[in-house]
Amino acid sequence: MHAELADDYSIRVGRKRVARLMRAAGFRGATLRRFVVTTQPDPKAEPAIDLVERQFYTDGPDRLWVADITYIPTWAGFLYLAIVLDVYSRRIVGWAMETHLRTELILSALNMAITRRQPQAVIHHSDRGCQYTSYAFGKRCREAGVMPSMGSVGDAYDNAMAESFFASLERELLNRRHFKSQAEAKMAIFDWIEGWYNPHRRHSSLGYRSPVNYERVHAARRAA
């Protein structure tokens, strides 16, 4: 809120005063809940080598992506959301929603990311869920020049960045709405990701810029 006032409205006010006024108005941050695990390893599959080793940092876009899946509750049953997130800017570069957890779900998210970003040599890091160790996923990565990477089983640190995104989605949208239909949920998720999270949602780790604005700054510095 402090960054929003300073950046968009040119209002100079201290952080403590903003916090005090928010408390007086009854505003507070939303709480988080733990998401249900949606990927299960295939004991017969050979996982990709861990190319990241918990070094979740890059100095440019489309060098390291992280991917994961979560569920979206609706009155008509669960939907599953697969995402591909660029570590550099926290931008969601690919995503897809389906009523199932088959490999097609993550392939749709991956294909969106590839089409949008046209990466040259990007690492795609995920857990060892059977969707990510499938032959179809590995084949698509080879075709696109994407390098699969997988963390160890049950390692919270390997999933932290994706889980942080899911936590934001939960507290800012899912905790505030109940979807009567899957079509309603899909539209709301689209609006939240493409209309709010990517272009406008500020991140303290990005100097209180949104993912889109952070990438714009990066592009401007390279062009200078």
Protein backbone atom coordinates (compact mmCIF):
# COMPACT_ATOMS: atom_id res chain seq x y z
CA MET A 1 0.00 0.00 0.00
CA HIS A 2 2.85 2.37 0.84
CA ALA A 3 4.50 1.68 -2.54
CA GLU A 4 1.19 2.16 -4.37
CA LEU A 5 0.63 5.58 -2.82
CA ALA A 6 4.18 6.72 -3.52
CA ASP A 7 4.39 5.41 -7.09
CA ASP A 8 0.95 5.86 -8.61
CA TYR A 9 -0.33 8.84 -6.59
CA SER A 10 2.89 10.65 -5.62
CA ILE A 11 1.72 10.79 -2.01
CA ARG A 12 4.58 11.12 0.48
CA VAL A 13 3.68 9.38 3.70
CA GLY A 14 5.55 7.20 6.18
CA ARG A 15 5.12 3.43 6.32
CA LYS A 16 4.11 3.54 9.99
CA ARG A 17 1.38 6.07 9.27
CA VAL A 18 0.02 3.92 6.45
CA ALA A 19 -0.01 0.92 8.80
CA ARG A 20 -1.77 2.94 11.53
CA LEU A 21 -4.44 4.24 9.14
CA MET A 22 -5.04 0.76 7.77
CA ARG A 23 -5.53 -0.61 11.29
CA ALA A 24 -7.91 2.22 12.10
CA ALA A 25 -9.93 1.45 8.95
CA GLY A 26 -10.06 -2.25 9.77
CA PHE A 27 -7.79 -3.37 6.94
CA ARG A 28 -5.38 -6.25 7.47
CA GLY A 29 -3.45 -8.77 5.44
CA ALA A 30 -5.14 -12.02 4.49
CA THR A 31 -3.94 -15.24 6.10
CA LEU A 32 -2.50 -18.21 4.23
CA ARG A 33 -3.42 -21.85 4.15
CA ARG A 34 -1.45 -24.86 3.03
CA PHE A 35 -2.22 -26.13 -0.47
CA VAL A 36 -2.94 -29.79 -1.15
CA VAL A 37 -0.26 -31.77 -2.99
CA THR A 38 -1.37 -32.37 -6.57
CA THR A 39 1.61 -34.21 -8.09
CA GLN A 40 2.67 -37.76 -7.31
CA PRO A 41 5.98 -39.32 -8.42
CA ASP A 42 6.11 -42.27 -10.78
CA PRO A 43 8.51 -44.80 -9.20
CA LYS A 44 9.30 -46.26 -12.63
CA ALA A 45 10.20 -42.93 -14.25
CA GLU A 46 13.70 -41.49 -14.44
CA PRO A 47 13.66 -37.89 -13.12
CA ALA A 48 15.71 -35.13 -14.69
CA ILE A 49 18.92 -33.99 -13.02
CA ASP A 50 18.62 -31.06 -10.61
CA LEU A 51 20.22 -28.21 -12.57
CA VAL A 52 19.26 -25.56 -10.01
CA GLU A 53 20.37 -26.92 -6.62
CA ARG A 54 18.27 -24.33 -4.79
CA GLN A 55 19.94 -21.40 -6.55
CA PHE A 56 16.72 -19.65 -7.47
CA TYR A 57 18.28 -16.51 -8.88
CA THR A 58 18.95 -15.27 -12.42
CA ASP A 59 20.14 -11.96 -13.84
CA GLY A 60 17.73 -11.96 -16.78
CA PRO A 61 14.36 -13.28 -17.98
CA ASP A 62 13.76 -16.72 -19.54
CA ARG A 63 16.79 -18.37 -18.00
CA LEU A 64 15.01 -20.25 -15.21
CA TRP A 65 11.34 -21.19 -14.98
CA VAL A 66 9.64 -23.03 -12.12
CA ALA A 67 6.44 -25.00 -12.57
CA ASP A 68 3.79 -26.57 -10.36
CA ILE A 69 0.10 -27.47 -10.11
CA THR A 70 -2.63 -26.54 -7.63
CA TYR A 71 -6.37 -27.08 -7.38
CA ILE A 72 -9.26 -24.59 -7.66
CA PRO A 73 -12.48 -25.55 -5.81
CA THR A 74 -15.83 -24.86 -7.48
CA TRP A 75 -19.39 -25.97 -6.80
CA ALA A 76 -19.13 -28.11 -9.93
CA GLY A 77 -15.96 -29.91 -8.81
CA PHE A 78 -12.23 -29.25 -8.77
CA LEU A 79 -10.26 -27.52 -11.49
CA TYR A 80 -6.49 -27.88 -11.67
CA LEU A 81 -4.18 -24.97 -12.49
CA ALA A 82 -0.70 -25.54 -13.90
CA ILE A 83 1.70 -22.61 -14.03
CA VAL A 84 5.13 -21.75 -15.39
CA LEU A 85 6.78 -18.87 -13.52
CA ASP A 86 9.87 -16.90 -14.59
CA VAL A 87 12.20 -16.74 -11.60
CA TYR A 88 13.73 -13.42 -12.66
CA SER A 89 10.52 -11.37 -12.67
CA ARG A 90 8.03 -13.69 -10.90
CA ARG A 91 5.91 -13.37 -14.05
CA ILE A 92 3.51 -16.17 -14.97
CA VAL A 93 4.64 -16.91 -18.52
CA GLY A 94 2.45 -19.96 -19.04
CA TRP A 95 -0.63 -21.43 -17.41
CA ALA A 96 -3.50 -23.81 -18.11
CA MET A 97 -6.63 -25.11 -16.38
CA GLU A 98 -8.35 -28.48 -16.77
CA THR A 99 -10.60 -30.84 -14.81
CA HIS A 100 -7.86 -33.50 -14.73
CA LEU A 101 -4.22 -33.93 -13.74
CA ARG A 102 -3.04 -35.65 -16.90
CA THR A 103 0.14 -34.63 -18.70
CA GLU A 104 -1.86 -32.56 -21.21
CA LEU A 105 -2.42 -29.99 -18.45
CA ILE A 106 1.26 -29.18 -17.92
CA LEU A 107 1.95 -29.40 -21.66
CA SER A 108 -0.62 -26.67 -22.27
CA ALA A 109 1.07 -24.42 -19.70
CA LEU A 110 4.51 -25.19 -21.14
CA ASN A 111 3.35 -24.55 -24.72
CA MET A 112 1.94 -21.17 -23.71
CA ALA A 113 5.25 -20.22 -22.12
CA ILE A 114 7.24 -21.35 -25.17
CA THR A 115 4.94 -19.51 -27.59
CA ARG A 116 4.95 -16.30 -25.57
CA ARG A 117 8.63 -16.13 -24.68
CA GLN A 118 10.52 -18.00 -27.40
CA PRO A 119 13.32 -18.98 -24.97
CA GLN A 120 16.80 -19.78 -26.23
CA ALA A 121 18.14 -21.90 -23.35
CA VAL A 122 15.82 -21.94 -20.37
CA ILE A 123 15.81 -24.36 -17.44
CA HIS A 124 12.35 -25.68 -16.50
CA HIS A 125 12.42 -26.72 -12.84
CA SER A 126 9.64 -28.76 -11.22
CA ASP A 127 9.03 -31.49 -8.71
CA ARG A 128 9.15 -35.17 -9.69
CA GLY A 129 5.43 -35.52 -10.32
CA CYS A 130 4.52 -38.12 -12.91
CA GLN A 131 3.31 -35.39 -15.28
CA TYR A 132 6.80 -33.86 -15.41
CA THR A 133 8.62 -37.21 -15.75
CA SER A 134 6.36 -38.38 -18.58
CA TYR A 135 7.72 -39.17 -22.04
CA ALA A 136 5.44 -36.56 -23.67
CA PHE A 137 6.76 -33.77 -21.46
CA GLY A 138 10.39 -34.72 -22.03
CA LYS A 139 9.83 -34.92 -25.79
CA ARG A 140 8.26 -31.44 -25.91
CA CYS A 141 11.18 -30.00 -23.91
CA ARG A 142 13.69 -31.51 -26.33
CA GLU A 143 11.81 -30.12 -29.31
CA ALA A 144 11.78 -26.60 -27.84
CA GLY A 145 15.30 -26.63 -26.42
CA VAL A 146 13.99 -26.44 -22.86
CA MET A 147 16.18 -28.09 -20.21
CA PRO A 148 14.15 -30.04 -17.61
CA SER A 149 15.32 -29.94 -14.01
CA MET A 150 13.76 -31.61 -10.99
CA GLY A 151 14.28 -31.21 -7.29
CA SER A 152 14.29 -33.86 -4.61
CA VAL A 153 11.09 -35.48 -3.40
CA GLY A 154 9.19 -33.57 -0.71
CA ASP A 155 11.64 -30.65 -0.58
CA ALA A 156 9.74 -27.48 0.37
CA TYR A 157 12.61 -25.24 -0.74
CA ASP A 158 12.36 -26.49 -4.33
CA ASN A 159 8.70 -25.49 -4.45
CA ALA A 160 8.87 -22.26 -2.46
CA MET A 161 8.53 -19.78 -5.33
CA ALA A 162 5.57 -21.56 -6.94
CA GLU A 163 3.95 -22.04 -3.53
CA SER A 164 4.35 -18.32 -2.86
CA PHE A 165 2.43 -17.58 -6.06
CA PHE A 166 -0.30 -20.05 -5.12
CA ALA A 167 -0.54 -18.50 -1.65
CA SER A 168 -1.06 -15.06 -3.23
CA LEU A 169 -3.75 -16.50 -5.49
CA GLU A 170 -5.50 -18.07 -2.53
CA ARG A 171 -5.53 -15.08 -0.24
CA GLU A 172 -6.30 -12.49 -2.94
CA LEU A 173 -8.92 -14.42 -4.92
CA LEU A 174 -9.88 -17.91 -3.78
CA ASN A 175 -10.55 -16.96 -0.15
CA ARG A 176 -12.83 -14.14 -1.29
CA ARG A 177 -14.97 -15.88 -3.91
CA HIS A 178 -16.95 -19.08 -4.31
CA PHE A 179 -17.30 -20.24 -7.89
CA LYS A 180 -20.61 -21.77 -8.94
CA SER A 181 -19.25 -23.08 -12.22
CA GLN A 182 -15.91 -24.03 -13.69
CA ALA A 183 -16.37 -21.44 -16.44
CA GLU A 184 -16.73 -18.74 -13.77
CA ALA A 185 -13.54 -19.94 -12.08
CA LYS A 186 -11.59 -19.96 -15.35
CA MET A 187 -12.62 -16.39 -16.13
CA ALA A 188 -11.71 -15.20 -12.62
CA ILE A 189 -8.29 -16.89 -12.75
CA PHE A 190 -7.63 -15.37 -16.18
CA ASP A 191 -8.54 -11.90 -14.92
CA TRP A 192 -6.40 -12.29 -11.80
CA ILE A 193 -3.27 -13.54 -13.57
CA GLU A 194 -3.37 -11.46 -16.74
CA GLY A 195 -5.24 -8.42 -15.46
CA TRP A 196 -3.76 -8.07 -11.99
CA TYR A 197 -0.83 -10.29 -11.01
CA ASN A 198 1.43 -9.92 -14.04
CA PRO A 199 0.87 -6.22 -14.85
CA HIS A 200 0.09 -4.67 -11.47
CA ARG A 201 0.83 -6.79 -8.38
CA ARG A 202 3.88 -5.43 -6.58
CA HIS A 203 6.60 -7.64 -5.08
CA SER A 204 8.97 -6.55 -2.35
CA SER A 205 11.66 -8.75 -3.92
CA LEU A 206 11.31 -6.74 -7.15
CA GLY A 207 11.69 -3.36 -5.51
CA TYR A 208 7.90 -3.08 -5.21
CA ARG A 209 7.42 -3.37 -8.96
CA SER A 210 5.06 -5.68 -10.79
CA PRO A 211 6.48 -8.51 -12.92
CA VAL A 212 5.69 -6.67 -16.17
CA ASN A 213 7.19 -3.38 -14.97
CA TYR A 214 10.26 -5.15 -13.62
CA GLU A 215 10.88 -6.69 -17.04
CA ARG A 216 10.37 -3.29 -18.69
CA VAL A 217 13.07 -1.80 -16.48
CA HIS A 218 15.38 -4.67 -17.38
CA ALA A 219 14.73 -4.18 -21.11
CA ALA A 220 15.32 -0.42 -20.85
CA ARG A 221 18.64 -0.94 -19.08
CA ARG A 222 19.81 -3.37 -21.76
CA ALA A 223 18.82 -0.94 -24.49
CA ALA A 224 20.59 2.02 -22.84
